[in-house]
Every structure is written in C-alpha cells, then in structure tokens.
Amino acid sequence: MYPSRRPIPLRFLLEPAAALAEPPLTGRRRALLTDTGKGTESAERYGRRVVPGEVSAREAAERFTTSLRTFQYTLANPSGGAANPLQDFLERSRAGHCEYFASALALMLRYRGIPARVVNGYRLGPWISEGGYWLVTQNEAHSWVEYYDDAALAWRVADATPAAPPAGL
C-alpha cells in the first residue's frame, strides 16, 4: 500500500574540472546550444540591460545570476497563465520557480553566443546521520544551468534561483 523508503547506497567522487572538461564545442552542437528559438527576445533585452558590454562567459553568468537572484522564488507560478511566460517572468512578475530562473539564464547566455543548457536533477537533502545517508525526495528536484567556458574548455555550473523560504519540515 505504501511505497518503500529504504535508502539506496550511493558513492560518488567529486572532481569538477575533470568531470566537466571536454574538447571545444564546434559545428552543429555549438549551434544547438546557442539557439534561442522564437519568442525569447525578452531574455536578450533583460540581459543587455544587466550586462550592456562584452564580458567573458564567466563574468556574464555571474552578473546574470546575481541579477536574477533579486527576483522572488515561489511555487505559485504567477507567470504560468501568461501568453509568454518567460517575458512575463522577466518583465512583470519577477517571481517563479527554478525552471523560470534556469530558462532565463540559459537564454541570456545563449544570446551572448555562450553555449548553455538547462539541467534537471536533485539537490542533496538533509544528511541522516543515524543511517549514514542523504535523504533525497521530490522536494529536492531542481533546475540549473551549465554553460560552456571556451577559455577553460569546460562546462561550468550556474544557479540563478534564489534561496527558497524554509520548508518547515
């Protein structure tokens, strides 16, 4: 009747530089990772206001992230019913969940010609010392961005989502 909640053993080794390094992006792959699609011009406008000049990929990501973190995190989805939810998020509501923050950041980077991708996964939940494991539930589902830094020949992580209010667990 109730789903099992037994822990799954997990071992991992963090080596960010080695794990994300790869050869330079070229051709079709670069084109796909810099494509902005239609109806996303609001991300370009917002990005040009935040960073009007040319800067490195890392500097652009940091400045866009800092700016987006002034928005409000909410699961209420105030832009969900808008004709253009991304535009509404950037220009009116300035509030949303992690997918809005990640989408906006990825598009602002792409408009600069910086390859970027939205990543969906899970953050680590609380450490359960009695069992020696991290508790990861649906509450830890999250979206963030990885962008390609040509200078380092590596993917870098950027998370523009501001801290959420305490969950009250």
C-alpha atoms as a PDB file:
ATOM      1  CA  MET A   1       0.000   0.000   0.000  1.00  0.00           C
ATOM      2  CA  TYR A   2       2.841   2.410   0.818  1.00  0.00           C
ATOM      3  CA  PRO A   3       5.941   2.800  -1.370  1.00  0.00           C
ATOM      4  CA  SER A   4       9.220   1.584   0.089  1.00  0.00           C
ATOM      5  CA  ARG A   5      11.511   4.264   1.541  1.00  0.00           C
ATOM      6  CA  ARG A   6      14.629   2.250   2.042  1.00  0.00           C
ATOM      7  CA  PRO A   7      17.944   4.005   1.327  1.00  0.00           C
ATOM      8  CA  ILE A   8      19.898   3.253  -1.798  1.00  0.00           C
ATOM      9  CA  PRO A   9      23.686   3.085  -1.314  1.00  0.00           C
ATOM     10  CA  LEU A  10      25.443   5.773  -3.319  1.00  0.00           C
ATOM     11  CA  ARG A  11      29.122   6.536  -3.694  1.00  0.00           C
ATOM     12  CA  PHE A  12      30.423   9.446  -5.661  1.00  0.00           C
ATOM     13  CA  LEU A  13      33.660  11.280  -6.233  1.00  0.00           C
ATOM     14  CA  LEU A  14      33.655  14.994  -6.974  1.00  0.00           C
ATOM     15  CA  GLU A  15      36.270  16.172  -9.430  1.00  0.00           C
ATOM     16  CA  PRO A  16      34.571  19.143 -11.130  1.00  0.00           C
ATOM     17  CA  ALA A  17      37.359  20.118 -13.511  1.00  0.00           C
ATOM     18  CA  ALA A  18      37.943  16.558 -14.714  1.00  0.00           C
ATOM     19  CA  ALA A  19      34.262  15.658 -14.887  1.00  0.00           C
ATOM     20  CA  LEU A  20      33.206  18.668 -16.954  1.00  0.00           C
ATOM     21  CA  ALA A  21      36.263  19.137 -19.216  1.00  0.00           C
ATOM     22  CA  GLU A  22      35.825  18.348 -22.898  1.00  0.00           C
ATOM     23  CA  PRO A  23      37.087  19.424 -26.304  1.00  0.00           C
ATOM     24  CA  PRO A  24      35.956  22.730 -27.817  1.00  0.00           C
ATOM     25  CA  LEU A  25      32.357  22.884 -28.996  1.00  0.00           C
ATOM     26  CA  THR A  26      32.040  23.200 -32.748  1.00  0.00           C
ATOM     27  CA  GLY A  27      29.579  22.863 -35.588  1.00  0.00           C
ATOM     28  CA  ARG A  28      26.040  21.663 -35.066  1.00  0.00           C
ATOM     29  CA  ARG A  29      26.465  21.033 -31.353  1.00  0.00           C
ATOM     30  CA  ARG A  30      27.537  24.643 -30.741  1.00  0.00           C
ATOM     31  CA  ALA A  31      24.702  25.883 -32.951  1.00  0.00           C
ATOM     32  CA  LEU A  32      22.107  23.901 -30.979  1.00  0.00           C
ATOM     33  CA  LEU A  33      23.482  25.068 -27.623  1.00  0.00           C
ATOM     34  CA  THR A  34      23.354  28.728 -28.677  1.00  0.00           C
ATOM     35  CA  ASP A  35      19.942  28.617 -30.392  1.00  0.00           C
ATOM     36  CA  THR A  36      17.415  30.901 -28.720  1.00  0.00           C
ATOM     37  CA  GLY A  37      14.208  29.924 -30.511  1.00  0.00           C
ATOM     38  CA  LYS A  38      11.243  32.210 -31.073  1.00  0.00           C
ATOM     39  CA  GLY A  39       9.504  34.420 -28.538  1.00  0.00           C
ATOM     40  CA  THR A  40      12.529  34.758 -26.249  1.00  0.00           C
ATOM     41  CA  GLU A  41      13.606  38.299 -27.097  1.00  0.00           C
ATOM     42  CA  SER A  42      12.736  39.422 -23.565  1.00  0.00           C
ATOM     43  CA  ALA A  43      15.756  37.432 -22.333  1.00  0.00           C
ATOM     44  CA  GLU A  44      18.003  39.325 -24.733  1.00  0.00           C
ATOM     45  CA  ARG A  45      16.572  42.695 -23.659  1.00  0.00           C
ATOM     46  CA  TYR A  46      16.940  41.874 -19.967  1.00  0.00           C
ATOM     47  CA  GLY A  47      20.453  40.515 -20.478  1.00  0.00           C
ATOM     48  CA  ARG A  48      21.598  43.633 -22.369  1.00  0.00           C
ATOM     49  CA  ARG A  49      20.320  45.829 -19.522  1.00  0.00           C
ATOM     50  CA  VAL A  50      22.189  43.799 -16.902  1.00  0.00           C
ATOM     51  CA  VAL A  51      25.415  43.428 -18.904  1.00  0.00           C
ATOM     52  CA  PRO A  52      25.482  46.064 -21.661  1.00  0.00           C
ATOM     53  CA  GLY A  53      29.049  45.400 -22.868  1.00  0.00           C
ATOM     54  CA  GLU A  54      31.073  42.385 -23.858  1.00  0.00           C
ATOM     55  CA  VAL A  55      32.423  40.293 -20.982  1.00  0.00           C
ATOM     56  CA  SER A  56      33.746  36.762 -20.506  1.00  0.00           C
ATOM     57  CA  ALA A  57      31.343  33.826 -20.220  1.00  0.00           C
ATOM     58  CA  ARG A  58      32.115  33.502 -16.526  1.00  0.00           C
ATOM     59  CA  GLU A  59      31.536  37.220 -15.836  1.00  0.00           C
ATOM     60  CA  ALA A  60      28.268  37.210 -17.805  1.00  0.00           C
ATOM     61  CA  ALA A  61      27.000  34.157 -15.915  1.00  0.00           C
ATOM     62  CA  GLU A  62      27.920  35.680 -12.548  1.00  0.00           C
ATOM     63  CA  ARG A  63      26.268  39.016 -13.297  1.00  0.00           C
ATOM     64  CA  PHE A  64      23.097  37.451 -14.740  1.00  0.00           C
ATOM     65  CA  THR A  65      22.895  35.117 -11.742  1.00  0.00           C
ATOM     66  CA  THR A  66      23.311  37.988  -9.276  1.00  0.00           C
ATOM     67  CA  SER A  67      20.573  39.967 -11.011  1.00  0.00           C
ATOM     68  CA  LEU A  68      18.098  37.080 -11.210  1.00  0.00           C
ATOM     69  CA  ARG A  69      18.604  36.283  -7.533  1.00  0.00           C
ATOM     70  CA  THR A  70      16.875  39.588  -6.732  1.00  0.00           C
ATOM     71  CA  PHE A  71      13.642  38.008  -8.054  1.00  0.00           C
ATOM     72  CA  GLN A  72      11.316  36.077  -5.745  1.00  0.00           C
ATOM     73  CA  TYR A  73      11.270  32.278  -5.582  1.00  0.00           C
ATOM     74  CA  THR A  74       7.757  30.844  -5.469  1.00  0.00           C
ATOM     75  CA  LEU A  75       5.972  27.676  -6.470  1.00  0.00           C
ATOM     76  CA  ALA A  76       2.773  29.681  -7.084  1.00  0.00           C
ATOM     77  CA  ASN A  77       3.726  30.109 -10.787  1.00  0.00           C
ATOM     78  CA  PRO A  78       2.483  33.701 -11.274  1.00  0.00           C
ATOM     79  CA  SER A  79       3.575  33.756 -14.942  1.00  0.00           C
ATOM     80  CA  GLY A  80       2.123  30.364 -15.847  1.00  0.00           C
ATOM     81  CA  GLY A  81      -1.052  31.718 -17.454  1.00  0.00           C
ATOM     82  CA  ALA A  82       0.650  34.465 -19.470  1.00  0.00           C
ATOM     83  CA  ALA A  83       0.816  34.354 -23.272  1.00  0.00           C
ATOM     84  CA  ASN A  84       4.623  34.456 -22.986  1.00  0.00           C
ATOM     85  CA  PRO A  85       5.544  33.122 -19.519  1.00  0.00           C
ATOM     86  CA  LEU A  86       9.263  33.926 -19.825  1.00  0.00           C
ATOM     87  CA  GLN A  87       8.573  37.523 -20.821  1.00  0.00           C
ATOM     88  CA  ASP A  88       6.060  37.876 -18.006  1.00  0.00           C
ATOM     89  CA  PHE A  89       8.601  36.430 -15.545  1.00  0.00           C
ATOM     90  CA  LEU A  90      11.338  38.876 -16.621  1.00  0.00           C
ATOM     91  CA  GLU A  91       9.247  41.993 -17.164  1.00  0.00           C
ATOM     92  CA  ARG A  92       6.284  41.808 -14.784  1.00  0.00           C
ATOM     93  CA  SER A  93       6.067  39.188 -12.043  1.00  0.00           C
ATOM     94  CA  ARG A  94       9.801  38.781 -11.326  1.00  0.00           C
ATOM     95  CA  ALA A  95       8.773  35.636  -9.425  1.00  0.00           C
ATOM     96  CA  GLY A  96       8.755  31.955 -10.246  1.00  0.00           C
ATOM     97  CA  HIS A  97      10.246  28.549  -9.628  1.00  0.00           C
ATOM     98  CA  CYS A  98      13.663  27.199 -10.593  1.00  0.00           C
ATOM     99  CA  GLU A  99      12.683  26.353 -14.180  1.00  0.00           C
ATOM    100  CA  TYR A 100      11.988  30.029 -14.904  1.00  0.00           C
ATOM    101  CA  PHE A 101      15.328  31.094 -13.434  1.00  0.00           C
ATOM    102  CA  ALA A 102      17.236  28.411 -15.333  1.00  0.00           C
ATOM    103  CA  SER A 103      15.458  29.106 -18.632  1.00  0.00           C
ATOM    104  CA  ALA A 104      16.025  32.847 -18.381  1.00  0.00           C
ATOM    105  CA  LEU A 105      19.711  32.425 -17.503  1.00  0.00           C
ATOM    106  CA  ALA A 106      20.346  29.904 -20.287  1.00  0.00           C
ATOM    107  CA  LEU A 107      18.693  32.154 -22.877  1.00  0.00           C
ATOM    108  CA  MET A 108      20.568  35.270 -21.738  1.00  0.00           C
ATOM    109  CA  LEU A 109      23.845  33.349 -22.109  1.00  0.00           C
ATOM    110  CA  ARG A 110      22.833  31.951 -25.488  1.00  0.00           C
ATOM    111  CA  TYR A 111      22.018  35.447 -26.781  1.00  0.00           C
ATOM    112  CA  ARG A 112      25.665  36.263 -25.983  1.00  0.00           C
ATOM    113  CA  GLY A 113      26.803  33.301 -28.072  1.00  0.00           C
ATOM    114  CA  ILE A 114      27.697  31.310 -24.954  1.00  0.00           C
ATOM    115  CA  PRO A 115      26.572  27.668 -25.229  1.00  0.00           C
ATOM    116  CA  ALA A 116      24.229  26.860 -22.352  1.00  0.00           C
ATOM    117  CA  ARG A 117      21.932  24.031 -21.297  1.00  0.00           C
ATOM    118  CA  VAL A 118      19.261  23.640 -18.643  1.00  0.00           C
ATOM    119  CA  VAL A 119      19.864  20.709 -16.311  1.00  0.00           C
ATOM    120  CA  ASN A 120      17.165  18.991 -14.239  1.00  0.00           C
ATOM    121  CA  GLY A 121      18.066  16.854 -11.276  1.00  0.00           C
ATOM    122  CA  TYR A 122      18.111  16.742  -7.497  1.00  0.00           C
ATOM    123  CA  ARG A 123      19.958  18.608  -4.771  1.00  0.00           C
ATOM    124  CA  LEU A 124      21.106  16.640  -1.758  1.00  0.00           C
ATOM    125  CA  GLY A 125      18.554  16.717   1.013  1.00  0.00           C
ATOM    126  CA  PRO A 126      19.360  16.526   4.705  1.00  0.00           C
ATOM    127  CA  TRP A 127      22.059  14.180   5.975  1.00  0.00           C
ATOM    128  CA  ILE A 128      20.549  11.403   8.083  1.00  0.00           C
ATOM    129  CA  SER A 129      23.381  10.554  10.462  1.00  0.00           C
ATOM    130  CA  GLU A 130      21.551   7.625  12.050  1.00  0.00           C
ATOM    131  CA  GLY A 131      21.545   5.777   8.733  1.00  0.00           C
ATOM    132  CA  GLY A 132      24.571   7.438   7.142  1.00  0.00           C
ATOM    133  CA  TYR A 133      22.818   8.704   4.035  1.00  0.00           C
ATOM    134  CA  TRP A 134      21.429  11.794   2.311  1.00  0.00           C
ATOM    135  CA  LEU A 135      17.646  11.905   2.137  1.00  0.00           C
ATOM    136  CA  VAL A 136      16.644  12.930  -1.388  1.00  0.00           C
ATOM    137  CA  THR A 137      12.938  13.388  -2.047  1.00  0.00           C
ATOM    138  CA  GLN A 138      10.826  15.138  -4.663  1.00  0.00           C
ATOM    139  CA  ASN A 139      11.297  18.312  -2.597  1.00  0.00           C
ATOM    140  CA  GLU A 140      14.918  18.384  -3.794  1.00  0.00           C
ATOM    141  CA  ALA A 141      14.008  18.411  -7.516  1.00  0.00           C
ATOM    142  CA  HIS A 142      15.764  21.379  -9.117  1.00  0.00           C
ATOM    143  CA  SER A 143      16.791  23.029 -12.414  1.00  0.00           C
ATOM    144  CA  TRP A 144      20.017  24.920 -13.021  1.00  0.00           C
ATOM    145  CA  VAL A 145      22.291  25.862 -15.924  1.00  0.00           C
ATOM    146  CA  GLU A 146      25.576  24.613 -17.295  1.00  0.00           C
ATOM    147  CA  TYR A 147      27.375  26.912 -19.706  1.00  0.00           C
ATOM    148  CA  TYR A 148      30.445  26.263 -21.806  1.00  0.00           C
ATOM    149  CA  ASP A 149      33.506  28.339 -20.961  1.00  0.00           C
ATOM    150  CA  ASP A 150      35.664  28.467 -24.096  1.00  0.00           C
ATOM    151  CA  ALA A 151      38.586  29.885 -22.118  1.00  0.00           C
ATOM    152  CA  ALA A 152      38.670  26.845 -19.805  1.00  0.00           C
ATOM    153  CA  LEU A 153      37.338  24.286 -22.338  1.00  0.00           C
ATOM    154  CA  ALA A 154      34.913  23.184 -19.625  1.00  0.00           C
ATOM    155  CA  TRP A 155      31.283  23.263 -18.613  1.00  0.00           C
ATOM    156  CA  ARG A 156      30.584  25.434 -15.585  1.00  0.00           C
ATOM    157  CA  VAL A 157      27.546  25.375 -13.299  1.00  0.00           C
ATOM    158  CA  ALA A 158      25.416  28.472 -12.655  1.00  0.00           C
ATOM    159  CA  ASP A 159      22.315  28.519 -10.467  1.00  0.00           C
ATOM    160  CA  ALA A 160      20.299  31.734 -10.576  1.00  0.00           C
ATOM    161  CA  THR A 161      17.486  30.508  -8.319  1.00  0.00           C
ATOM    162  CA  PRO A 162      17.388  32.457  -5.054  1.00  0.00           C
ATOM    163  CA  ALA A 163      17.166  30.559  -1.794  1.00  0.00           C
ATOM    164  CA  ALA A 164      13.685  29.246  -1.111  1.00  0.00           C
ATOM    165  CA  PRO A 165      11.887  30.003   2.118  1.00  0.00           C
ATOM    166  CA  PRO A 166      12.271  27.282   4.777  1.00  0.00           C
ATOM    167  CA  ALA A 167      10.148  24.231   4.008  1.00  0.00           C
ATOM    168  CA  GLY A 168       9.064  23.677   7.604  1.00  0.00           C
ATOM    169  CA  LEU A 169       9.981  20.008   7.690  1.00  0.00           C
END
